[in-house]
Every structure is written in C-alpha cells, then in structure tokens.
Amino acid sequence: MMIANVKPMRTFTAIIERDLDTKLDVGYVPGFPGADSQGENLDELQENLRKVIEMLLEDEDLIFQTEFVGTDRL
C-alpha cells in the first residue's frame, strides 16, 4: 500500500514569554521569519503558532535565517 503526499513531520522550538502589558502569551520560533503569534493562554498560543508555521511552510522560497542551537541560564 502506497501513501501519497505524506510530508515528513518537522518540529520547531518556540520561545514563549508573557507580555506584562497585554497579559497575553507570545511566542516565536528563532530564525524562522514570520513564525510568531500570541494567545490568551498557552494552548491558544501553541495552536496559533502551529497554524502560522503550517502556512509559512507552504512557501517554497522559505529561507531560514539562523538555526536554533539552545538556551543557557546565566
């Protein structure tokens, strides 16, 4: 049995913060132009980020600016 049009699953790391003025959760994917969103809670933010990423991945001319390496506590 052959499955057509199956795209490999990709994962991305998002940085998530709380905007103290709006009280919204905001997030972005480092190095991924346009991959940012917000939500009233973490679940909404994650759903919004997934939708934005799916839309951006449809662009065949997508060029990543950097590659996420990690975080460090100082």
Protein backbone atom coordinates (compact mmCIF):
# COMPACT_ATOMS: atom_id res chain seq x y z
CA MET A 1 0.00 0.00 0.00
CA MET A 2 1.44 3.36 -1.02
CA ILE A 3 0.60 6.60 0.76
CA ALA A 4 0.81 9.68 -1.44
CA ASN A 5 1.60 13.25 -0.44
CA VAL A 6 2.92 12.40 3.02
CA LYS A 7 5.22 15.14 4.28
CA PRO A 8 7.85 14.40 6.91
CA MET A 9 7.00 15.66 10.41
CA ARG A 10 9.11 18.64 11.43
CA THR A 11 9.47 20.11 14.87
CA PHE A 12 10.48 23.61 15.85
CA THR A 13 11.48 25.18 19.15
CA ALA A 14 9.45 28.21 20.20
CA ILE A 15 10.42 30.85 22.73
CA ILE A 16 7.39 31.75 24.87
CA GLU A 17 7.02 34.80 27.06
CA ARG A 18 4.24 36.65 28.85
CA ASP A 19 3.57 40.23 27.75
CA LEU A 20 3.11 42.11 31.01
CA ASP A 21 1.10 44.90 29.39
CA THR A 22 -1.42 42.76 27.50
CA LYS A 23 -1.20 39.65 29.74
CA LEU A 24 -1.00 37.56 26.54
CA ASP A 25 1.35 34.65 25.96
CA VAL A 26 3.57 35.49 22.99
CA GLY A 27 5.88 33.16 21.12
CA TYR A 28 8.24 32.98 18.19
CA VAL A 29 10.49 30.45 16.51
CA PRO A 30 14.08 31.73 16.43
CA GLY A 31 15.43 32.09 12.90
CA PHE A 32 12.05 31.40 11.26
CA PRO A 33 10.90 34.64 9.60
CA GLY A 34 7.26 35.41 10.42
CA ALA A 35 6.82 32.49 12.83
CA ASP A 36 5.36 34.40 15.74
CA SER A 37 1.96 34.66 17.38
CA GLN A 38 0.10 35.27 20.62
CA GLY A 39 -2.73 33.79 22.64
CA GLU A 40 -4.75 34.31 25.79
CA ASN A 41 -3.29 31.07 27.19
CA LEU A 42 -0.57 28.56 26.30
CA ASP A 43 -2.93 26.21 24.43
CA GLU A 44 -4.22 29.03 22.23
CA LEU A 45 -0.68 30.28 21.57
CA GLN A 46 0.50 26.79 20.56
CA GLU A 47 -2.45 26.34 18.20
CA ASN A 48 -1.85 29.78 16.66
CA LEU A 49 1.88 29.09 16.21
CA ARG A 50 1.15 25.74 14.54
CA LYS A 51 -1.20 27.42 12.07
CA VAL A 52 1.33 30.15 11.26
CA ILE A 53 4.12 27.59 10.79
CA GLU A 54 1.96 25.41 8.51
CA MET A 55 1.13 28.45 6.39
CA LEU A 56 4.77 29.59 6.20
CA LEU A 57 6.00 26.10 5.25
CA GLU A 58 3.80 26.22 2.14
CA ASP A 59 6.13 28.94 0.78
CA GLU A 60 8.69 27.19 -1.41
CA ASP A 61 11.02 30.22 -1.20
CA LEU A 62 11.30 30.00 2.61
CA ILE A 63 14.83 30.74 3.81
CA PHE A 64 15.74 30.20 7.45
CA GLN A 65 17.88 33.00 8.86
CA THR A 66 19.56 31.00 11.63
CA GLU A 67 19.50 27.56 13.22
CA PHE A 68 18.32 27.17 16.83
CA VAL A 69 21.18 25.87 18.98
CA GLY A 70 19.85 26.02 22.52
CA THR A 71 19.30 28.12 25.61
CA ASP A 72 21.55 28.96 28.52
CA ARG A 73 20.83 30.21 32.03
CA LEU A 74 23.15 32.93 33.24
